PDB file of N, CA and C in Angstrom:
ATOM      1  N   SER A   1     111.256  68.958  89.960  1.00  0.00           N
ATOM      2  CA  SER A   1     110.498  70.054  90.518  1.00  0.00           C
ATOM      3  C   SER A   1     110.501  69.997  92.041  1.00  0.00           C
ATOM      4  N   ILE A   2     110.271  68.807  92.590  1.00  0.00           N
ATOM      5  CA  ILE A   2     110.260  68.662  94.057  1.00  0.00           C
ATOM      6  C   ILE A   2     111.640  68.947  94.621  1.00  0.00           C
ATOM      7  N   LEU A   3     112.677  68.443  93.960  1.00  0.00           N
ATOM      8  CA  LEU A   3     114.040  68.671  94.430  1.00  0.00           C
ATOM      9  C   LEU A   3     114.383  70.161  94.422  1.00  0.00           C
ATOM     10  N   LEU A   4     114.031  70.857  93.345  1.00  0.00           N
ATOM     11  CA  LEU A   4     114.297  72.295  93.286  1.00  0.00           C
ATOM     12  C   LEU A   4     113.515  73.052  94.349  1.00  0.00           C
ATOM     13  N   SER A   5     112.287  72.626  94.610  1.00  0.00           N
ATOM     14  CA  SER A   5     111.491  73.270  95.646  1.00  0.00           C
ATOM     15  C   SER A   5     112.132  73.102  97.020  1.00  0.00           C
ATOM     16  N   ILE A   6     112.660  71.932  97.274  1.00  0.00           N
ATOM     17  CA  ILE A   6     113.334  71.683  98.562  1.00  0.00           C
ATOM     18  C   ILE A   6     114.604  72.523  98.665  1.00  0.00           C
ATOM     19  N   LEU A   7     115.362  72.576  97.580  1.00  0.00           N
ATOM     20  CA  LEU A   7     116.597  73.359  97.591  1.00  0.00           C
ATOM     21  C   LEU A   7     116.327  74.850  97.756  1.00  0.00           C
ATOM     22  N   MET A   8     115.259  75.347  97.169  1.00  0.00           N
ATOM     23  CA  MET A   8     114.980  76.778  97.190  1.00  0.00           C
ATOM     24  C   MET A   8     114.376  77.255  98.501  1.00  0.00           C
ATOM     25  N   ARG A   9     114.063  76.351  99.398  1.00  0.00           N
ATOM     26  CA  ARG A   9     113.528  76.793 100.692  1.00  0.00           C
ATOM     27  C   ARG A   9     114.533  77.625 101.457  1.00  0.00           C
ATOM     28  N   CYS A  10     115.803  77.409 101.226  1.00  0.00           N
ATOM     29  CA  CYS A  10     116.851  78.161 101.920  1.00  0.00           C
ATOM     30  C   CYS A  10     117.306  79.371 101.119  1.00  0.00           C
ATOM     31  N   ASP A  11     116.589  79.727 100.089  1.00  0.00           N
ATOM     32  CA  ASP A  11     116.990  80.802  99.194  1.00  0.00           C
ATOM     33  C   ASP A  11     117.085  82.145  99.910  1.00  0.00           C
ATOM     34  N   ALA A  12     116.062  82.530 100.636  1.00  0.00           N
ATOM     35  CA  ALA A  12     116.086  83.815 101.341  1.00  0.00           C
ATOM     36  C   ALA A  12     117.165  83.818 102.420  1.00  0.00           C
ATOM     37  N   PHE A  13     117.313  82.697 103.102  1.00  0.00           N
ATOM     38  CA  PHE A  13     118.352  82.586 104.128  1.00  0.00           C
ATOM     39  C   PHE A  13     119.727  82.762 103.505  1.00  0.00           C
ATOM     40  N   SER A  14     119.976  82.130 102.365  1.00  0.00           N
ATOM     41  CA  SER A  14     121.283  82.257 101.718  1.00  0.00           C
ATOM     42  C   SER A  14     121.506  83.684 101.220  1.00  0.00           C
ATOM     43  N   ASP A  15     120.446  84.373 100.788  1.00  0.00           N
ATOM     44  CA  ASP A  15     120.582  85.780 100.388  1.00  0.00           C
ATOM     45  C   ASP A  15     121.017  86.640 101.566  1.00  0.00           C
ATOM     46  N   VAL A  16     120.428  86.401 102.717  1.00  0.00           N
ATOM     47  CA  VAL A  16     120.784  87.161 103.920  1.00  0.00           C
ATOM     48  C   VAL A  16     122.225  86.864 104.323  1.00  0.00           C
ATOM     49  N   VAL A  17     122.605  85.588 104.337  1.00  0.00           N
ATOM     50  CA  VAL A  17     123.969  85.213 104.723  1.00  0.00           C
ATOM     51  C   VAL A  17     124.987  85.802 103.744  1.00  0.00           C
ATOM     52  N   PHE A  18     124.705  85.726 102.449  1.00  0.00           N
ATOM     53  CA  PHE A  18     125.601  86.276 101.442  1.00  0.00           C
ATOM     54  C   PHE A  18     125.786  87.781 101.637  1.00  0.00           C
ATOM     55  N   THR A  19     124.711  88.487 101.918  1.00  0.00           N
ATOM     56  CA  THR A  19     124.795  89.935 102.131  1.00  0.00           C
ATOM     57  C   THR A  19     125.605  90.258 103.378  1.00  0.00           C
ATOM     58  N   VAL A  20     125.405  89.499 104.445  1.00  0.00           N
ATOM     59  CA  VAL A  20     126.178  89.727 105.678  1.00  0.00           C
ATOM     60  C   VAL A  20     127.660  89.486 105.429  1.00  0.00           C
ATOM     61  N   ILE A  21     127.982  88.424 104.698  1.00  0.00           N
ATOM     62  CA  ILE A  21     129.389  88.142 104.386  1.00  0.00           C
ATOM     63  C   ILE A  21     129.991  89.276 103.573  1.00  0.00           C
ATOM     64  N   LEU A  22     129.252  89.770 102.584  1.00  0.00           N
ATOM     65  CA  LEU A  22     129.760  90.886 101.769  1.00  0.00           C
ATOM     66  C   LEU A  22     129.950  92.151 102.597  1.00  0.00           C
ATOM     67  N   CYS A  23     129.038  92.409 103.536  1.00  0.00           N
ATOM     68  CA  CYS A  23     129.150  93.615 104.369  1.00  0.00           C
ATOM     69  C   CYS A  23     130.352  93.547 105.301  1.00  0.00           C
ATOM     70  N   LYS A  24     130.738  92.342 105.717  1.00  0.00           N
ATOM     71  CA  LYS A  24     131.870  92.193 106.637  1.00  0.00           C
ATOM     72  C   LYS A  24     133.205  92.051 105.919  1.00  0.00           C
ATOM     73  N   SER A  25     133.188  91.846 104.607  1.00  0.00           N
ATOM     74  CA  SER A  25     134.432  91.684 103.851  1.00  0.00           C
ATOM     75  C   SER A  25     134.894  93.031 103.299  1.00  0.00           C
ATOM     76  N   PRO A  26     136.129  93.104 102.829  1.00  0.00           N
ATOM     77  CA  PRO A  26     136.598  94.354 102.223  1.00  0.00           C
ATOM     78  C   PRO A  26     135.739  94.731 101.013  1.00  0.00           C
ATOM     79  N   GLU A  27     135.639  96.015 100.772  1.00  0.00           N
ATOM     80  CA  GLU A  27     134.779  96.535  99.703  1.00  0.00           C
ATOM     81  C   GLU A  27     135.209  96.013  98.326  1.00  0.00           C
ATOM     82  N   ILE A  28     134.229  95.550  97.559  1.00  0.00           N
ATOM     83  CA  ILE A  28     134.481  95.056  96.201  1.00  0.00           C
ATOM     84  C   ILE A  28     133.809  96.022  95.229  1.00  0.00           C
ATOM     85  N   ARG A  29     134.609  96.615  94.337  1.00  0.00           N
ATOM     86  CA  ARG A  29     134.066  97.571  93.382  1.00  0.00           C
ATOM     87  C   ARG A  29     134.250  97.129  91.929  1.00  0.00           C
ATOM     88  N   GLU A  30     134.917  95.986  91.729  1.00  0.00           N
ATOM     89  CA  GLU A  30     135.110  95.485  90.378  1.00  0.00           C
ATOM     90  C   GLU A  30     135.345  93.980  90.386  1.00  0.00           C
ATOM     91  N   ILE A  31     135.086  93.364  89.250  1.00  0.00           N
ATOM     92  CA  ILE A  31     135.378  91.945  89.057  1.00  0.00           C
ATOM     93  C   ILE A  31     136.359  91.860  87.900  1.00  0.00           C
ATOM     94  N   ASN A  32     137.477  91.197  88.157  1.00  0.00           N
ATOM     95  CA  ASN A  32     138.525  91.077  87.154  1.00  0.00           C
ATOM     96  C   ASN A  32     138.465  89.674  86.542  1.00  0.00           C
ATOM     97  N   LEU A  33     138.148  89.609  85.246  1.00  0.00           N
ATOM     98  CA  LEU A  33     138.087  88.341  84.524  1.00  0.00           C
ATOM     99  C   LEU A  33     139.239  88.261  83.521  1.00  0.00           C
ATOM    100  N   ALA A  34     140.441  88.545  83.991  1.00  0.00           N
ATOM    101  CA  ALA A  34     141.610  88.629  83.119  1.00  0.00           C
ATOM    102  C   ALA A  34     141.954  87.297  82.474  1.00  0.00           C
ATOM    103  N   LYS A  35     141.790  86.203  83.182  1.00  0.00           N
ATOM    104  CA  LYS A  35     142.186  84.909  82.639  1.00  0.00           C
ATOM    105  C   LYS A  35     141.167  84.339  81.659  1.00  0.00           C
ATOM    106  N   THR A  36     139.891  84.654  81.840  1.00  0.00           N
ATOM    107  CA  THR A  36     138.869  84.069  80.964  1.00  0.00           C
ATOM    108  C   THR A  36     138.440  84.995  79.837  1.00  0.00           C
ATOM    109  N   LEU A  37     137.996  86.193  80.177  1.00  0.00           N
ATOM    110  CA  LEU A  37     137.506  87.125  79.155  1.00  0.00           C
ATOM    111  C   LEU A  37     138.453  88.294  78.888  1.00  0.00           C
ATOM    112  N   ARG A  38     139.497  88.382  79.662  1.00  0.00           N
ATOM    113  CA  ARG A  38     140.482  89.461  79.547  1.00  0.00           C
ATOM    114  C   ARG A  38     139.845  90.847  79.669  1.00  0.00           C
ATOM    115  N   CYS A  39     139.006  90.999  80.682  1.00  0.00           N
ATOM    116  CA  CYS A  39     138.384  92.305  80.914  1.00  0.00           C
ATOM    117  C   CYS A  39     138.058  92.467  82.400  1.00  0.00           C
ATOM    118  N   THR A  40     137.743  93.685  82.757  1.00  0.00           N
ATOM    119  CA  THR A  40     137.380  94.028  84.133  1.00  0.00           C
ATOM    120  C   THR A  40     136.035  94.745  84.109  1.00  0.00           C
ATOM    121  N   PHE A  41     135.128  94.305  84.972  1.00  0.00           N
ATOM    122  CA  PHE A  41     133.823  94.951  85.109  1.00  0.00           C
ATOM    123  C   PHE A  41     133.822  95.799  86.364  1.00  0.00           C
ATOM    124  N   LYS A  42     133.606  97.096  86.203  1.00  0.00           N
ATOM    125  CA  LYS A  42     133.530  98.004  87.349  1.00  0.00           C
ATOM    126  C   LYS A  42     132.067  98.207  87.719  1.00  0.00           C
ATOM    127  N   PHE A  43     131.797  98.181  89.026  1.00  0.00           N
ATOM    128  CA  PHE A  43     130.434  98.378  89.525  1.00  0.00           C
ATOM    129  C   PHE A  43     130.189  99.853  89.800  1.00  0.00           C
ATOM    130  N   PRO A  44     128.946 100.316  89.655  1.00  0.00           N
ATOM    131  CA  PRO A  44     128.643 101.722  89.952  1.00  0.00           C
ATOM    132  C   PRO A  44     128.732 102.031  91.447  1.00  0.00           C
ATOM    133  N   CYS A  45     128.608 101.011  92.271  1.00  0.00           N
ATOM    134  CA  CYS A  45     128.765 101.175  93.723  1.00  0.00           C
ATOM    135  C   CYS A  45     129.344  99.874  94.267  1.00  0.00           C
ATOM    136  N   ALA A  46     129.585  99.827  95.553  1.00  0.00           N
ATOM    137  CA  ALA A  46     130.179  98.634  96.154  1.00  0.00           C
ATOM    138  C   ALA A  46     129.217  97.446  96.049  1.00  0.00           C
ATOM    139  N   LEU A  47     129.777  96.255  95.925  1.00  0.00           N
ATOM    140  CA  LEU A  47     128.979  95.048  95.745  1.00  0.00           C
ATOM    141  C   LEU A  47     128.066  94.784  96.949  1.00  0.00           C
ATOM    142  N   HIS A  48     128.530  95.082  98.151  1.00  0.00           N
ATOM    143  CA  HIS A  48     127.681  94.843  99.327  1.00  0.00           C
ATOM    144  C   HIS A  48     126.464  95.774  99.324  1.00  0.00           C
ATOM    145  N   GLN A  49     126.595  96.966  98.764  1.00  0.00           N
ATOM    146  CA  GLN A  49     125.449  97.870  98.670  1.00  0.00           C
ATOM    147  C   GLN A  49     124.417  97.348  97.675  1.00  0.00           C
ATOM    148  N   MET A  50     124.882  96.791  96.559  1.00  0.00           N
ATOM    149  CA  MET A  50     123.959  96.209  95.584  1.00  0.00           C
ATOM    150  C   MET A  50     123.264  94.978  96.167  1.00  0.00           C
ATOM    151  N   ALA A  51     124.013  94.164  96.915  1.00  0.00           N
ATOM    152  CA  ALA A  51     123.422  92.972  97.538  1.00  0.00           C
ATOM    153  C   ALA A  51     122.389  93.373  98.592  1.00  0.00           C
ATOM    154  N   LEU A  52     122.688  94.405  99.371  1.00  0.00           N
ATOM    155  CA  LEU A  52     121.744  94.876 100.385  1.00  0.00           C
ATOM    156  C   LEU A  52     120.474  95.435  99.745  1.00  0.00           C
ATOM    157  N   PHE A  53     120.628  96.184  98.661  1.00  0.00           N
ATOM    158  CA  PHE A  53     119.466  96.715  97.948  1.00  0.00           C
ATOM    159  C   PHE A  53     118.598  95.581  97.402  1.00  0.00           C
ATOM    160  N   SER A  54     119.230  94.591  96.773  1.00  0.00           N
ATOM    161  CA  SER A  54     118.446  93.478  96.221  1.00  0.00           C
ATOM    162  C   SER A  54     117.816  92.638  97.322  1.00  0.00           C
ATOM    163  N   LEU A  55     118.449  92.544  98.478  1.00  0.00           N
ATOM    164  CA  LEU A  55     117.863  91.819  99.604  1.00  0.00           C
ATOM    165  C   LEU A  55     116.619  92.534 100.110  1.00  0.00           C
ATOM    166  N   ILE A  56     116.706  93.834 100.298  1.00  0.00           N
ATOM    167  CA  ILE A  56     115.562  94.591 100.818  1.00  0.00           C
ATOM    168  C   ILE A  56     114.430  94.639  99.797  1.00  0.00           C
ATOM    169  N   VAL A  57     114.747  95.005  98.566  1.00  0.00           N
ATOM    170  CA  VAL A  57     113.705  95.150  97.539  1.00  0.00           C
ATOM    171  C   VAL A  57     113.217  93.784  97.050  1.00  0.00           C
ATOM    172  N   GLY A  58     114.146  92.906  96.712  1.00  0.00           N
ATOM    173  CA  GLY A  58     113.771  91.628  96.112  1.00  0.00           C
ATOM    174  C   GLY A  58     113.197  90.622  97.081  1.00  0.00           C
ATOM    175  N   VAL A  59     113.842  90.446  98.213  1.00  0.00           N
ATOM    176  CA  VAL A  59     113.408  89.404  99.152  1.00  0.00           C
ATOM    177  C   VAL A  59     112.344  89.925 100.111  1.00  0.00           C
ATOM    178  N   PHE A  60     112.628  91.028 100.794  1.00  0.00           N
ATOM    179  CA  PHE A  60     111.699  91.496 101.817  1.00  0.00           C
ATOM    180  C   PHE A  60     110.437  92.122 101.241  1.00  0.00           C
ATOM    181  N   ILE A  61     110.578  92.957 100.208  1.00  0.00           N
ATOM    182  CA  ILE A  61     109.400  93.649  99.666  1.00  0.00           C
ATOM    183  C   ILE A  61     108.695  92.802  98.617  1.00  0.00           C
ATOM    184  N   ALA A  62     109.415  92.423  97.556  1.00  0.00           N
ATOM    185  CA  ALA A  62     108.767  91.712  96.445  1.00  0.00           C
ATOM    186  C   ALA A  62     108.317  90.304  96.823  1.00  0.00           C
ATOM    187  N   GLN A  63     109.038  89.646  97.715  1.00  0.00           N
ATOM    188  CA  GLN A  63     108.638  88.307  98.121  1.00  0.00           C
ATOM    189  C   GLN A  63     107.828  88.327  99.408  1.00  0.00           C
ATOM    190  N   GLY A  64     108.394  88.882 100.440  1.00  0.00           N
ATOM    191  CA  GLY A  64     107.773  88.814 101.762  1.00  0.00           C
ATOM    192  C   GLY A  64     106.456  89.547 101.876  1.00  0.00           C
ATOM    193  N   LEU A  65     106.441  90.826 101.528  1.00  0.00           N
ATOM    194  CA  LEU A  65     105.210  91.603 101.672  1.00  0.00           C
ATOM    195  C   LEU A  65     104.113  91.135 100.729  1.00  0.00           C
ATOM    196  N   VAL A  66     104.492  90.835  99.478  1.00  0.00           N
ATOM    197  CA  VAL A  66     103.499  90.352  98.522  1.00  0.00           C
ATOM    198  C   VAL A  66     102.945  89.005  98.969  1.00  0.00           C
ATOM    199  N   GLY A  67     103.818  88.124  99.406  1.00  0.00           N
ATOM    200  CA  GLY A  67     103.378  86.810  99.887  1.00  0.00           C
ATOM    201  C   GLY A  67     102.472  86.904 101.101  1.00  0.00           C
ATOM    202  N   MET A  68     102.814  87.778 102.050  1.00  0.00           N
ATOM    203  CA  MET A  68     101.961  87.938 103.226  1.00  0.00           C
ATOM    204  C   MET A  68     100.621  88.551 102.845  1.00  0.00           C
ATOM    205  N   GLY A  69     100.628  89.470 101.895  1.00  0.00           N
ATOM    206  CA  GLY A  69      99.373  90.052 101.415  1.00  0.00           C
ATOM    207  C   GLY A  69      98.479  88.998 100.781  1.00  0.00           C
ATOM    208  N   LEU A  70      99.067  88.120  99.969  1.00  0.00           N
ATOM    209  CA  LEU A  70      98.291  87.040  99.360  1.00  0.00           C
ATOM    210  C   LEU A  70      97.761  86.072 100.409  1.00  0.00           C
ATOM    211  N   LEU A  71      98.570  85.802 101.433  1.00  0.00           N
ATOM    212  CA  LEU A  71      98.099  84.915 102.512  1.00  0.00           C
ATOM    213  C   LEU A  71      96.944  85.540 103.284  1.00  0.00           C
ATOM    214  N   MET A  72      97.044  86.825 103.553  1.00  0.00           N
ATOM    215  CA  MET A  72      95.983  87.487 104.327  1.00  0.00           C
ATOM    216  C   MET A  72      94.676  87.557 103.549  1.00  0.00           C
ATOM    217  N   THR A  73      94.767  87.730 102.233  1.00  0.00           N
ATOM    218  CA  THR A  73      93.546  87.801 101.431  1.00  0.00           C
ATOM    219  C   THR A  73      93.078  86.422 100.966  1.00  0.00           C
ATOM    220  N   LYS A  74      93.896  85.398 101.224  1.00  0.00           N
ATOM    221  CA  LYS A  74      93.597  84.014 100.842  1.00  0.00           C
ATOM    222  C   LYS A  74      93.356  83.887  99.333  1.00  0.00           C
ATOM    223  N   LYS A  75      94.154  84.623  98.565  1.00  0.00           N
ATOM    224  CA  LYS A  75      94.099  84.547  97.105  1.00  0.00           C
ATOM    225  C   LYS A  75      95.437  84.018  96.611  1.00  0.00           C
ATOM    226  N   ALA A  76      95.386  83.240  95.555  1.00  0.00           N
ATOM    227  CA  ALA A  76      96.590  82.676  94.934  1.00  0.00           C
ATOM    228  C   ALA A  76      97.479  82.020  95.987  1.00  0.00           C
ATOM    229  N   LEU A  77      96.902  81.142  96.778  1.00  0.00           N
ATOM    230  CA  LEU A  77      97.637  80.521  97.881  1.00  0.00           C
ATOM    231  C   LEU A  77      98.889  79.766  97.445  1.00  0.00           C
ATOM    232  N   PRO A  78      98.888  79.029  96.331  1.00  0.00           N
ATOM    233  CA  PRO A  78     100.153  78.383  95.938  1.00  0.00           C
ATOM    234  C   PRO A  78     101.283  79.400  95.729  1.00  0.00           C
ATOM    235  N   ALA A  79     100.978  80.523  95.108  1.00  0.00           N
ATOM    236  CA  ALA A  79     101.988  81.564  94.920  1.00  0.00           C
ATOM    237  C   ALA A  79     102.395  82.171  96.254  1.00  0.00           C
ATOM    238  N   ALA A  80     101.432  82.353  97.140  1.00  0.00           N
ATOM    239  CA  ALA A  80     101.729  82.913  98.460  1.00  0.00           C
ATOM    240  C   ALA A  80     102.653  81.997  99.245  1.00  0.00           C
ATOM    241  N   PHE A  81     102.390  80.689  99.195  1.00  0.00           N
ATOM    242  CA  PHE A  81     103.244  79.739  99.907  1.00  0.00           C
ATOM    243  C   PHE A  81     104.656  79.747  99.330  1.00  0.00           C
ATOM    244  N   LYS A  82     104.769  79.813  98.017  1.00  0.00           N
ATOM    245  CA  LYS A  82     106.087  79.812  97.379  1.00  0.00           C
ATOM    246  C   LYS A  82     106.836  81.101  97.684  1.00  0.00           C
ATOM    247  N   LEU A  83     106.160  82.240  97.641  1.00  0.00           N
ATOM    248  CA  LEU A  83     106.823  83.506  97.922  1.00  0.00           C
ATOM    249  C   LEU A  83     107.338  83.568  99.354  1.00  0.00           C
ATOM    250  N   ASN A  84     106.613  82.964 100.277  1.00  0.00           N
ATOM    251  CA  ASN A  84     107.025  82.969 101.671  1.00  0.00           C
ATOM    252  C   ASN A  84     107.811  81.730 102.045  1.00  0.00           C
ATOM    253  N   GLU A  85     108.119  80.904 101.049  1.00  0.00           N
ATOM    254  CA  GLU A  85     108.919  79.703 101.241  1.00  0.00           C
ATOM    255  C   GLU A  85     108.348  78.809 102.327  1.00  0.00           C
ATOM    256  N   PHE A  86     107.071  78.780 102.469  1.00  0.00           N
ATOM    257  CA  PHE A  86     106.339  77.935 103.399  1.00  0.00           C
ATOM    258  C   PHE A  86     106.636  78.236 104.874  1.00  0.00           C
ATOM    259  N   ALA A  87     107.642  79.042 105.166  1.00  0.00           N
ATOM    260  CA  ALA A  87     108.027  79.275 106.557  1.00  0.00           C
ATOM    261  C   ALA A  87     106.940  80.005 107.331  1.00  0.00           C
ATOM    262  N   PHE A  88     106.335  81.008 106.720  1.00  0.00           N
ATOM    263  CA  PHE A  88     105.308  81.780 107.407  1.00  0.00           C
ATOM    264  C   PHE A  88     104.106  80.918 107.743  1.00  0.00           C
ATOM    265  N   ILE A  89     103.634  80.142 106.775  1.00  0.00           N
ATOM    266  CA  ILE A  89     102.440  79.318 107.005  1.00  0.00           C
ATOM    267  C   ILE A  89     102.736  78.198 107.997  1.00  0.00           C
ATOM    268  N   LEU A  90     103.920  77.598 107.919  1.00  0.00           N
ATOM    269  CA  LEU A  90     104.260  76.539 108.865  1.00  0.00           C
ATOM    270  C   LEU A  90     104.381  77.092 110.289  1.00  0.00           C
ATOM    271  N   GLY A  91     104.947  78.278 110.416  1.00  0.00           N
ATOM    272  CA  GLY A  91     105.041  78.903 111.732  1.00  0.00           C
ATOM    273  C   GLY A  91     103.674  79.239 112.294  1.00  0.00           C
ATOM    274  N   THR A  92     102.771  79.727 111.446  1.00  0.00           N
ATOM    275  CA  THR A  92     101.412  80.046 111.877  1.00  0.00           C
ATOM    276  C   THR A  92     100.657  78.788 112.297  1.00  0.00           C
ATOM    277  N   MET A  93     100.797  77.734 111.502  1.00  0.00           N
ATOM    278  CA  MET A  93     100.103  76.486 111.832  1.00  0.00           C
ATOM    279  C   MET A  93     100.633  75.893 113.138  1.00  0.00           C
ATOM    280  N   THR A  94     101.935  75.983 113.360  1.00  0.00           N
ATOM    281  CA  THR A  94     102.521  75.484 114.605  1.00  0.00           C
ATOM    282  C   THR A  94     102.000  76.280 115.795  1.00  0.00           C
ATOM    283  N   LEU A  95     101.923  77.590 115.639  1.00  0.00           N
ATOM    284  CA  LEU A  95     101.423  78.446 116.709  1.00  0.00           C
ATOM    285  C   LEU A  95      99.960  78.141 117.009  1.00  0.00           C
ATOM    286  N   GLU A  96      99.142  77.991 115.970  1.00  0.00           N
ATOM    287  CA  GLU A  96      97.726  77.701 116.177  1.00  0.00           C
ATOM    288  C   GLU A  96      97.522  76.321 116.785  1.00  0.00           C
ATOM    289  N   LYS A  97      98.353  75.371 116.401  1.00  0.00           N
ATOM    290  CA  LYS A  97      98.243  74.025 116.968  1.00  0.00           C
ATOM    291  C   LYS A  97      98.604  74.063 118.463  1.00  0.00           C
ATOM    292  N   ALA A  98      99.620  74.857 118.809  1.00  0.00           N
ATOM    293  CA  ALA A  98     100.020  74.974 120.220  1.00  0.00           C
ATOM    294  C   ALA A  98      98.930  75.629 121.047  1.00  0.00           C
ATOM    295  N   LYS A  99      98.155  76.541 120.439  1.00  0.00           N
ATOM    296  CA  LYS A  99      97.068  77.221 121.144  1.00  0.00           C
ATOM    297  C   LYS A  99      95.795  76.376 121.164  1.00  0.00           C
ATOM    298  N   GLY A 100      95.777  75.286 120.389  1.00  0.00           N
ATOM    299  CA  GLY A 100      94.588  74.443 120.330  1.00  0.00           C
ATOM    300  C   GLY A 100      93.581  74.885 119.308  1.00  0.00           C
ATOM    301  N   CYS A 101      93.969  75.767 118.385  1.00  0.00           N
ATOM    302  CA  CYS A 101      93.060  76.220 117.340  1.00  0.00           C
ATOM    303  C   CYS A 101      93.049  75.211 116.195  1.00  0.00           C
ATOM    304  N   ASN A 102      91.993  75.258 115.406  1.00  0.00           N
ATOM    305  CA  ASN A 102      91.892  74.429 114.216  1.00  0.00           C
ATOM    306  C   ASN A 102      91.927  75.346 113.006  1.00  0.00           C
ATOM    307  N   PRO A 103      93.110  75.525 112.380  1.00  0.00           N
ATOM    308  CA  PRO A 103      93.202  76.465 111.254  1.00  0.00           C
ATOM    309  C   PRO A 103      92.399  75.978 110.051  1.00  0.00           C
ATOM    310  N   GLN A 104      91.678  76.883 109.447  1.00  0.00           N
ATOM    311  CA  GLN A 104      90.865  76.580 108.262  1.00  0.00           C
ATOM    312  C   GLN A 104      91.404  77.416 107.115  1.00  0.00           C
ATOM    313  N   LEU A 105      92.055  76.784 106.138  1.00  0.00           N
ATOM    314  CA  LEU A 105      92.568  77.513 104.973  1.00  0.00           C
ATOM    315  C   LEU A 105      91.606  77.412 103.848  1.00  0.00           C
TER     316      LEU A 105
END
């Protein structure tokens, strides 16, 4: 559990990097699995568009906004920390420590 938690801290970052790589590469509209399943899967739109949609909806809205909302209301804090991958709270604590504040969670 601890190992997976450490590995998943870079999850949102890897989603962003993957989407940027897809946006800069030639358009992918199908996956050809001729050697393994002997079939081709066609996408309804380009793969970079699907990755961008899932990044905006899945990472920024479903994770980021919900996590920040939970942090602001101080409800379900373990879920809030996980949704924000601890980065938001660590950044806030660092900022408050630099200002000389004593954060009370």
